[in-house]
Amino acid sequence: MQTATPVRRKATRPRADALRNRERIVTAAREMFVEHGPDVPLDEIARRAGVGNATVYRNFPDRDALVREVVCSVMDRTAQAAELALAETGDAFEALERFVHVTADERISALCPMVSSTFDQHHPDLEAARGRVERLVAEVMERATAAGQLRPDVGVGDVMIAVAQLSRPPAGTECLLADRFVHRHLQLFLDGLRAPARSALPGKAMTMEDLRRPCD
């Protein structure tokens, strides 16, 4: 008597329209989190995305899941920008400059507070995305340092916190108004990173681990 061989079923792939809906939800959520903060009603996100409330909850069972997906998607695009910078064969510092400006456009400044206040910072997806960004940004900076173009007394944390702070609208200022000055002020910061350094920086180079360490 022969034993029937189990039939191996193919994994079901999400339909194209389902993937598009998910992308629309994440894009709408990112825009509204930047504009209004992480407490924006999910119904409003669904309305901007052009989908029903049930579609939002089918993709993201709770707000934490949606916030995490938005933050990870921004980190993924930031990592892609760093990979493009590493792939360039021209001026190493100009590659760093382009990376910084692209990162600012992702509005990391608006998303950073959400990481620390909304959900588990140690979720595997978040840690993986964060580790990839840190590793790639360090490589971009190391290349500029090796070329003698980047002052050696700055760290990845210095660059990322400056991008976050300089792309954040001042209190009482409308986001769209402040956006006009973001890249101008970032370029002033970048000029200060060029070697040779014109002054000694107080303290030590900041790492991303320094940024995650709680204040004493």
Protein backbone atom coordinates (compact mmCIF):
# COMPACT_ATOMS: atom_id res chain seq x y z
CA MET A 1 0.00 0.00 0.00
CA GLN A 2 1.48 3.32 -1.07
CA THR A 3 1.26 6.40 1.05
CA ALA A 4 -0.05 9.42 -0.78
CA THR A 5 2.54 12.16 -1.20
CA PRO A 6 1.33 15.39 0.38
CA VAL A 7 0.65 18.10 -2.13
CA ARG A 8 2.85 21.14 -1.48
CA ARG A 9 0.80 24.28 -1.75
CA LYS A 10 2.32 27.41 -3.12
CA ALA A 11 2.48 30.35 -0.76
CA THR A 12 -0.24 32.82 -1.57
CA ARG A 13 1.14 36.09 -2.84
CA PRO A 14 -0.64 39.32 -2.01
CA ARG A 15 -2.58 40.67 -4.95
CA ALA A 16 -1.20 43.72 -6.71
CA ASP A 17 -4.13 45.88 -5.64
CA ALA A 18 -3.65 44.79 -2.02
CA LEU A 19 0.03 45.81 -2.17
CA ARG A 20 -0.91 49.16 -3.69
CA ASN A 21 -3.45 49.75 -0.94
CA ARG A 22 -0.85 48.97 1.71
CA GLU A 23 1.61 51.38 0.10
CA ARG A 24 -1.05 54.10 -0.08
CA ILE A 25 -1.84 53.63 3.60
CA VAL A 26 1.83 53.87 4.62
CA THR A 27 2.35 56.97 2.46
CA ALA A 28 -0.75 58.68 3.82
CA ALA A 29 0.19 57.78 7.39
CA ARG A 30 3.71 59.18 6.97
CA GLU A 31 2.35 62.46 5.60
CA MET A 32 -0.20 62.83 8.38
CA PHE A 33 2.21 61.82 11.14
CA VAL A 34 4.56 64.56 9.91
CA GLU A 35 1.72 67.10 9.78
CA HIS A 36 -0.22 66.19 12.91
CA GLY A 37 1.80 63.72 15.01
CA PRO A 38 1.29 60.02 15.78
CA ASP A 39 -2.18 60.48 17.32
CA VAL A 40 -3.91 61.37 14.06
CA PRO A 41 -7.13 59.31 13.76
CA LEU A 42 -6.79 56.19 11.63
CA ASP A 43 -10.06 57.11 9.92
CA GLU A 44 -8.37 60.26 8.60
CA ILE A 45 -5.43 58.22 7.33
CA ALA A 46 -7.83 55.87 5.54
CA ARG A 47 -9.60 58.83 3.95
CA ARG A 48 -6.36 60.35 2.65
CA ALA A 49 -5.20 56.95 1.37
CA GLY A 50 -8.50 56.49 -0.46
CA VAL A 51 -9.31 53.18 1.22
CA GLY A 52 -11.88 51.99 3.71
CA ASN A 53 -11.28 51.68 7.44
CA ALA A 54 -11.45 47.90 7.17
CA THR A 55 -8.56 47.92 4.69
CA VAL A 56 -6.39 49.82 7.18
CA TYR A 57 -7.13 47.37 10.00
CA ARG A 58 -6.69 44.37 7.71
CA ASN A 59 -3.13 45.52 6.99
CA PHE A 60 -2.31 46.98 10.41
CA PRO A 61 -4.14 45.51 13.42
CA ASP A 62 -3.29 48.46 15.65
CA ARG A 63 -1.69 51.90 15.60
CA ASP A 64 1.68 50.59 16.79
CA ALA A 65 1.92 48.28 13.77
CA LEU A 66 1.23 51.17 11.39
CA VAL A 67 3.66 53.54 13.10
CA ARG A 68 6.36 50.86 13.05
CA GLU A 69 5.80 50.25 9.33
CA VAL A 70 6.05 53.97 8.59
CA VAL A 71 9.27 54.36 10.56
CA CYS A 72 10.81 51.24 9.00
CA SER A 73 9.85 52.42 5.50
CA VAL A 74 11.56 55.77 6.11
CA MET A 75 14.65 53.98 7.41
CA ASP A 76 14.65 51.72 4.36
CA ARG A 77 14.61 54.72 2.02
CA THR A 78 17.34 56.35 4.08
CA ALA A 79 19.42 53.19 3.73
CA GLN A 80 18.81 53.19 -0.02
CA ALA A 81 20.05 56.78 -0.21
CA ALA A 82 23.22 55.71 1.64
CA GLU A 83 23.69 52.79 -0.76
CA LEU A 84 23.44 55.17 -3.72
CA ALA A 85 26.04 57.41 -2.09
CA LEU A 86 28.38 54.44 -1.67
CA ALA A 87 27.85 53.42 -5.28
CA GLU A 88 29.07 56.80 -6.54
CA THR A 89 32.66 56.84 -7.73
CA GLY A 90 33.13 60.61 -7.68
CA ASP A 91 33.71 63.07 -4.86
CA ALA A 92 33.15 61.31 -1.50
CA PHE A 93 32.05 64.44 0.35
CA GLU A 94 29.55 65.37 -2.36
CA ALA A 95 28.07 61.89 -1.97
CA LEU A 96 27.70 62.55 1.76
CA GLU A 97 26.05 65.88 1.00
CA ARG A 98 23.49 64.32 -1.32
CA PHE A 99 22.73 61.65 1.28
CA VAL A 100 22.10 64.27 3.97
CA HIS A 101 19.74 66.31 1.79
CA VAL A 102 17.75 63.24 0.72
CA THR A 103 17.49 62.09 4.34
CA ALA A 104 16.13 65.48 5.39
CA ASP A 105 13.36 65.14 2.81
CA GLU A 106 12.22 61.97 4.59
CA ARG A 107 11.32 64.17 7.58
CA ILE A 108 13.08 61.96 10.09
CA SER A 109 12.72 64.81 12.59
CA ALA A 110 8.97 64.25 12.82
CA LEU A 111 9.31 60.48 13.15
CA CYS A 112 12.10 60.27 15.74
CA PRO A 113 9.88 61.13 18.74
CA MET A 114 7.45 58.42 17.67
CA VAL A 115 10.14 55.77 17.95
CA SER A 116 10.73 56.50 21.62
CA SER A 117 7.15 57.17 22.72
CA THR A 118 4.81 55.04 20.65
CA PHE A 119 6.05 51.45 20.55
CA ASP A 120 8.76 48.97 21.48
CA GLN A 121 12.15 50.31 20.36
CA HIS A 122 13.54 46.77 20.34
CA HIS A 123 11.09 45.27 17.87
CA PRO A 124 13.12 43.05 15.47
CA ASP A 125 11.95 44.91 12.35
CA LEU A 126 12.94 48.27 13.80
CA GLU A 127 16.31 47.04 15.05
CA ALA A 128 17.13 45.49 11.67
CA ALA A 129 16.23 48.66 9.77
CA ARG A 130 18.11 50.85 12.22
CA GLY A 131 21.21 48.67 12.12
CA ARG A 132 21.29 48.76 8.33
CA VAL A 133 21.06 52.57 8.29
CA GLU A 134 23.78 53.02 10.88
CA ARG A 135 26.15 50.64 9.09
CA LEU A 136 25.68 52.29 5.70
CA VAL A 137 25.92 55.87 6.97
CA ALA A 138 29.13 54.95 8.79
CA GLU A 139 30.55 53.65 5.50
CA VAL A 140 29.61 56.86 3.67
CA MET A 141 31.33 58.93 6.36
CA GLU A 142 34.40 56.67 6.54
CA ARG A 143 34.93 57.06 2.82
CA ALA A 144 34.81 60.85 3.07
CA THR A 145 37.18 60.74 6.05
CA ALA A 146 39.62 58.48 4.20
CA ALA A 147 39.61 60.97 1.32
CA GLY A 148 40.66 63.70 3.76
CA GLN A 149 37.43 65.63 3.14
CA LEU A 150 35.49 64.99 6.37
CA ARG A 151 36.78 66.20 9.69
CA PRO A 152 37.63 63.15 11.83
CA ASP A 153 36.03 64.34 15.07
CA VAL A 154 32.39 63.72 14.07
CA GLY A 155 30.34 60.53 14.31
CA VAL A 156 27.24 59.06 12.73
CA GLY A 157 25.16 60.33 15.64
CA ASP A 158 26.38 63.89 15.05
CA VAL A 159 25.18 63.81 11.45
CA MET A 160 21.84 62.15 12.08
CA ILE A 161 20.86 64.35 15.00
CA ALA A 162 21.80 67.47 13.03
CA VAL A 163 19.63 66.32 10.11
CA ALA A 164 16.73 65.71 12.49
CA GLN A 165 17.10 69.05 14.25
CA LEU A 166 17.66 71.17 11.15
CA SER A 167 14.70 69.67 9.30
CA ARG A 168 12.31 70.25 12.20
CA PRO A 169 10.18 73.41 11.96
CA PRO A 170 10.80 75.91 14.78
CA ALA A 171 8.01 76.21 17.34
CA GLY A 172 5.16 78.32 16.03
CA THR A 173 6.29 77.98 12.40
CA GLU A 174 4.20 76.33 9.73
CA CYS A 175 5.88 73.24 8.23
CA LEU A 176 5.60 74.45 4.65
CA LEU A 177 7.19 77.79 5.51
CA ALA A 178 10.11 76.16 7.34
CA ASP A 179 10.69 73.73 4.45
CA ARG A 180 12.04 76.58 2.33
CA PHE A 181 15.05 76.93 4.63
CA VAL A 182 15.84 73.30 5.48
CA HIS A 183 18.35 72.65 2.71
CA ARG A 184 19.97 76.07 3.13
CA HIS A 185 20.68 75.38 6.80
CA LEU A 186 21.77 71.80 6.11
CA GLN A 187 24.35 73.10 3.65
CA LEU A 188 25.71 75.47 6.30
CA PHE A 189 26.06 72.45 8.60
CA LEU A 190 27.73 70.37 5.90
CA ASP A 191 30.27 73.10 5.20
CA GLY A 192 31.21 72.87 8.87
CA LEU A 193 31.97 69.17 8.44
CA ARG A 194 34.65 69.72 5.82
CA ALA A 195 38.28 69.07 6.60
CA PRO A 196 40.46 70.70 7.66
CA ALA A 197 38.47 71.67 10.75
CA ARG A 198 38.51 75.36 11.65
CA SER A 199 37.85 74.76 15.36
CA ALA A 200 37.94 72.10 18.04
CA LEU A 201 34.60 70.56 18.91
CA PRO A 202 33.67 70.23 22.58
CA GLY A 203 33.01 66.72 23.80
CA LYS A 204 33.45 63.59 21.73
CA ALA A 205 32.07 62.31 18.45
CA MET A 206 28.49 61.12 18.94
CA THR A 207 27.40 57.62 18.04
CA MET A 208 23.87 56.35 17.49
CA GLU A 209 24.22 54.41 20.73
CA ASP A 210 24.80 57.74 22.51
CA LEU A 211 21.49 58.99 21.11
CA ARG A 212 19.62 55.95 22.43
CA ARG A 213 21.16 56.16 25.89
CA PRO A 214 18.71 57.69 28.43
CA CYS A 215 19.60 61.07 29.87
CA ASP A 216 21.09 61.02 33.37
